[in-house]
Amino acid sequence: MRHKPEVLGLIDSVQECAEAQGFQLDEIPTHSKLEQIAPPGTPYFYVELPSGEKLFHRVKKNFPLQFGREVLASSALLDMEDRADWRDCKISKEEETDLAKQFRNDFKEFDFTV
C-alpha cells in the first residue's frame, strides 16, 4: 500500500509509540470492518487515520491504558507531552467553570435547546 508522506509520518509516530511500549499495531485493510477482526467482547486498541488507514492491536494483559493519549500528546503529533498524563491537566474549579461558559458561548449557534 502506498502512503502520502504526511500519512507515513503519522503512521510512523503511532507505530514508534507502540514499539516503545512493547507491542505492535497491525495495519488492517481499509475495506475491512472492525467486527470481522475483533468479535464482540474482544479487548482491542484501534486507530483510524484521516487518510483511511486502520491500525489494530488485540489487547492482552498490561496494555497501557493511556496509550492513545500519550500518542496524541507526543512531540510528533500535538507536541503537548506535558499533558500525556491526565493528572497533569487538573485545573481549578473556577477555571473549569470559565472554560465551560466559554464553550457554551462559542457553540451557542449549534445548541438546539436554546
C-alpha atoms as a PDB file:
ATOM      1  CA  MET A   1       0.000   0.000   0.000  1.00  0.00           C
ATOM      2  CA  ARG A   2       1.356   3.441  -0.910  1.00  0.00           C
ATOM      3  CA  HIS A   3       1.000   6.275   1.570  1.00  0.00           C
ATOM      4  CA  LYS A   4       1.264  10.041   1.281  1.00  0.00           C
ATOM      5  CA  PRO A   5       4.288  11.493   3.138  1.00  0.00           C
ATOM      6  CA  GLU A   6       2.188  13.136   5.884  1.00  0.00           C
ATOM      7  CA  VAL A   7       0.335   9.863   6.481  1.00  0.00           C
ATOM      8  CA  LEU A   8       3.615   7.969   6.669  1.00  0.00           C
ATOM      9  CA  GLY A   9       4.728  10.374   9.381  1.00  0.00           C
ATOM     10  CA  LEU A  10       1.541   9.803  11.332  1.00  0.00           C
ATOM     11  CA  ILE A  11       1.668   6.031  10.946  1.00  0.00           C
ATOM     12  CA  ASP A  12       5.349   6.013  11.903  1.00  0.00           C
ATOM     13  CA  SER A  13       4.680   8.117  15.012  1.00  0.00           C
ATOM     14  CA  VAL A  14       1.906   5.827  16.220  1.00  0.00           C
ATOM     15  CA  GLN A  15       3.951   2.692  15.465  1.00  0.00           C
ATOM     16  CA  GLU A  16       7.028   4.088  17.235  1.00  0.00           C
ATOM     17  CA  CYS A  17       4.985   4.827  20.354  1.00  0.00           C
ATOM     18  CA  ALA A  18       3.578   1.290  20.284  1.00  0.00           C
ATOM     19  CA  GLU A  19       7.041  -0.249  19.883  1.00  0.00           C
ATOM     20  CA  ALA A  20       8.334   1.862  22.781  1.00  0.00           C
ATOM     21  CA  GLN A  21       5.547   0.337  24.903  1.00  0.00           C
ATOM     22  CA  GLY A  22       6.444  -3.180  23.753  1.00  0.00           C
ATOM     23  CA  PHE A  23       3.696  -4.054  21.297  1.00  0.00           C
ATOM     24  CA  GLN A  24       2.882  -3.705  17.615  1.00  0.00           C
ATOM     25  CA  LEU A  25      -0.074  -2.232  15.769  1.00  0.00           C
ATOM     26  CA  ASP A  26      -1.066  -4.130  12.644  1.00  0.00           C
ATOM     27  CA  GLU A  27      -2.341  -2.311   9.577  1.00  0.00           C
ATOM     28  CA  ILE A  28      -5.661  -3.790   8.501  1.00  0.00           C
ATOM     29  CA  PRO A  29      -7.297  -3.410   5.078  1.00  0.00           C
ATOM     30  CA  THR A  30      -9.249  -0.182   4.690  1.00  0.00           C
ATOM     31  CA  HIS A  31     -12.315  -2.051   3.420  1.00  0.00           C
ATOM     32  CA  SER A  32     -12.446  -4.418   6.410  1.00  0.00           C
ATOM     33  CA  LYS A  33     -14.901  -3.940   9.246  1.00  0.00           C
ATOM     34  CA  LEU A  34     -13.802  -3.992  12.841  1.00  0.00           C
ATOM     35  CA  GLU A  35     -16.360  -6.685  13.684  1.00  0.00           C
ATOM     36  CA  GLN A  36     -14.539  -9.016  11.273  1.00  0.00           C
ATOM     37  CA  ILE A  37     -11.298  -8.641  13.193  1.00  0.00           C
ATOM     38  CA  ALA A  38     -12.461  -8.280  16.792  1.00  0.00           C
ATOM     39  CA  PRO A  39     -15.557 -10.269  17.752  1.00  0.00           C
ATOM     40  CA  PRO A  40     -17.798  -8.680  20.413  1.00  0.00           C
ATOM     41  CA  GLY A  41     -16.165  -8.755  23.829  1.00  0.00           C
ATOM     42  CA  THR A  42     -12.626  -8.772  22.453  1.00  0.00           C
ATOM     43  CA  PRO A  43     -10.470  -6.039  24.016  1.00  0.00           C
ATOM     44  CA  TYR A  44      -8.593  -4.062  21.374  1.00  0.00           C
ATOM     45  CA  PHE A  45      -6.945  -0.756  20.526  1.00  0.00           C
ATOM     46  CA  TYR A  46      -7.880   0.744  17.177  1.00  0.00           C
ATOM     47  CA  VAL A  47      -6.736   3.800  15.247  1.00  0.00           C
ATOM     48  CA  GLU A  48      -8.348   5.083  12.077  1.00  0.00           C
ATOM     49  CA  LEU A  49      -6.272   7.769  10.396  1.00  0.00           C
ATOM     50  CA  PRO A  50      -7.740  10.664   8.391  1.00  0.00           C
ATOM     51  CA  SER A  51      -6.470   9.019   5.208  1.00  0.00           C
ATOM     52  CA  GLY A  52      -8.485   5.862   5.945  1.00  0.00           C
ATOM     53  CA  GLU A  53      -5.635   3.638   7.119  1.00  0.00           C
ATOM     54  CA  LYS A  54      -6.537   1.486  10.100  1.00  0.00           C
ATOM     55  CA  LEU A  55      -4.218   0.198  12.825  1.00  0.00           C
ATOM     56  CA  PHE A  56      -5.247  -2.531  15.243  1.00  0.00           C
ATOM     57  CA  HIS A  57      -3.904  -4.308  18.315  1.00  0.00           C
ATOM     58  CA  ARG A  58      -5.661  -7.095  20.174  1.00  0.00           C
ATOM     59  CA  VAL A  59      -5.131  -6.195  23.828  1.00  0.00           C
ATOM     60  CA  LYS A  60      -3.673  -8.867  26.019  1.00  0.00           C
ATOM     61  CA  LYS A  61      -2.573  -8.045  29.551  1.00  0.00           C
ATOM     62  CA  ASN A  62      -0.753  -4.984  30.809  1.00  0.00           C
ATOM     63  CA  PHE A  63      -1.805  -2.760  27.922  1.00  0.00           C
ATOM     64  CA  PRO A  64      -1.035   0.883  28.761  1.00  0.00           C
ATOM     65  CA  LEU A  65      -4.464   2.443  29.308  1.00  0.00           C
ATOM     66  CA  GLN A  66      -3.197   5.929  28.481  1.00  0.00           C
ATOM     67  CA  PHE A  67      -1.533   4.843  25.228  1.00  0.00           C
ATOM     68  CA  GLY A  68      -3.852   6.804  22.930  1.00  0.00           C
ATOM     69  CA  ARG A  69      -3.435   9.935  24.999  1.00  0.00           C
ATOM     70  CA  GLU A  70       0.353   9.506  25.039  1.00  0.00           C
ATOM     71  CA  VAL A  71       0.455   9.139  21.254  1.00  0.00           C
ATOM     72  CA  LEU A  72      -1.635  12.249  20.683  1.00  0.00           C
ATOM     73  CA  ALA A  73       0.386  14.275  23.202  1.00  0.00           C
ATOM     74  CA  SER A  74       3.727  13.180  21.709  1.00  0.00           C
ATOM     75  CA  SER A  75       6.087  15.723  20.173  1.00  0.00           C
ATOM     76  CA  ALA A  76       5.479  14.204  16.742  1.00  0.00           C
ATOM     77  CA  LEU A  77       1.737  14.920  16.844  1.00  0.00           C
ATOM     78  CA  LEU A  78       0.322  17.616  19.143  1.00  0.00           C
ATOM     79  CA  ASP A  79       3.621  18.400  20.906  1.00  0.00           C
ATOM     80  CA  MET A  80       1.919  18.576  24.286  1.00  0.00           C
ATOM     81  CA  GLU A  81       3.959  15.990  26.168  1.00  0.00           C
ATOM     82  CA  ASP A  82       3.216  17.770  29.441  1.00  0.00           C
ATOM     83  CA  ARG A  83      -0.408  16.619  29.013  1.00  0.00           C
ATOM     84  CA  ALA A  84       0.293  12.939  28.367  1.00  0.00           C
ATOM     85  CA  ASP A  85      -0.691  12.158  31.958  1.00  0.00           C
ATOM     86  CA  TRP A  86      -4.265  13.260  32.639  1.00  0.00           C
ATOM     87  CA  ARG A  87      -3.370  14.080  36.253  1.00  0.00           C
ATOM     88  CA  ASP A  88      -1.139  16.888  34.981  1.00  0.00           C
ATOM     89  CA  CYS A  89      -4.162  18.536  33.335  1.00  0.00           C
ATOM     90  CA  LYS A  90      -6.041  19.376  36.524  1.00  0.00           C
ATOM     91  CA  ILE A  91      -7.375  22.896  36.732  1.00  0.00           C
ATOM     92  CA  SER A  92      -9.191  24.798  39.458  1.00  0.00           C
ATOM     93  CA  LYS A  93     -12.971  24.695  39.757  1.00  0.00           C
ATOM     94  CA  GLU A  94     -13.063  28.376  38.765  1.00  0.00           C
ATOM     95  CA  GLU A  95     -11.030  27.749  35.584  1.00  0.00           C
ATOM     96  CA  GLU A  96     -13.244  24.780  34.756  1.00  0.00           C
ATOM     97  CA  THR A  97     -16.382  26.896  35.162  1.00  0.00           C
ATOM     98  CA  ASP A  98     -14.925  29.673  32.989  1.00  0.00           C
ATOM     99  CA  LEU A  99     -13.981  27.188  30.253  1.00  0.00           C
ATOM    100  CA  ALA A 100     -17.481  25.679  30.324  1.00  0.00           C
ATOM    101  CA  LYS A 101     -19.053  29.129  29.976  1.00  0.00           C
ATOM    102  CA  GLN A 102     -16.733  29.980  27.105  1.00  0.00           C
ATOM    103  CA  PHE A 103     -17.539  26.669  25.391  1.00  0.00           C
ATOM    104  CA  ARG A 104     -21.290  27.247  25.760  1.00  0.00           C
ATOM    105  CA  ASN A 105     -20.953  30.732  24.331  1.00  0.00           C
ATOM    106  CA  ASP A 106     -18.729  29.633  21.417  1.00  0.00           C
ATOM    107  CA  PHE A 107     -21.149  26.871  20.390  1.00  0.00           C
ATOM    108  CA  LYS A 108     -24.424  28.650  21.158  1.00  0.00           C
ATOM    109  CA  GLU A 109     -25.427  28.775  17.491  1.00  0.00           C
ATOM    110  CA  PHE A 110     -25.297  24.954  17.327  1.00  0.00           C
ATOM    111  CA  ASP A 111     -27.306  24.366  20.521  1.00  0.00           C
ATOM    112  CA  PHE A 112     -30.855  23.428  19.540  1.00  0.00           C
ATOM    113  CA  THR A 113     -32.050  23.674  23.174  1.00  0.00           C
ATOM    114  CA  VAL A 114     -31.525  27.436  23.403  1.00  0.00           C
END
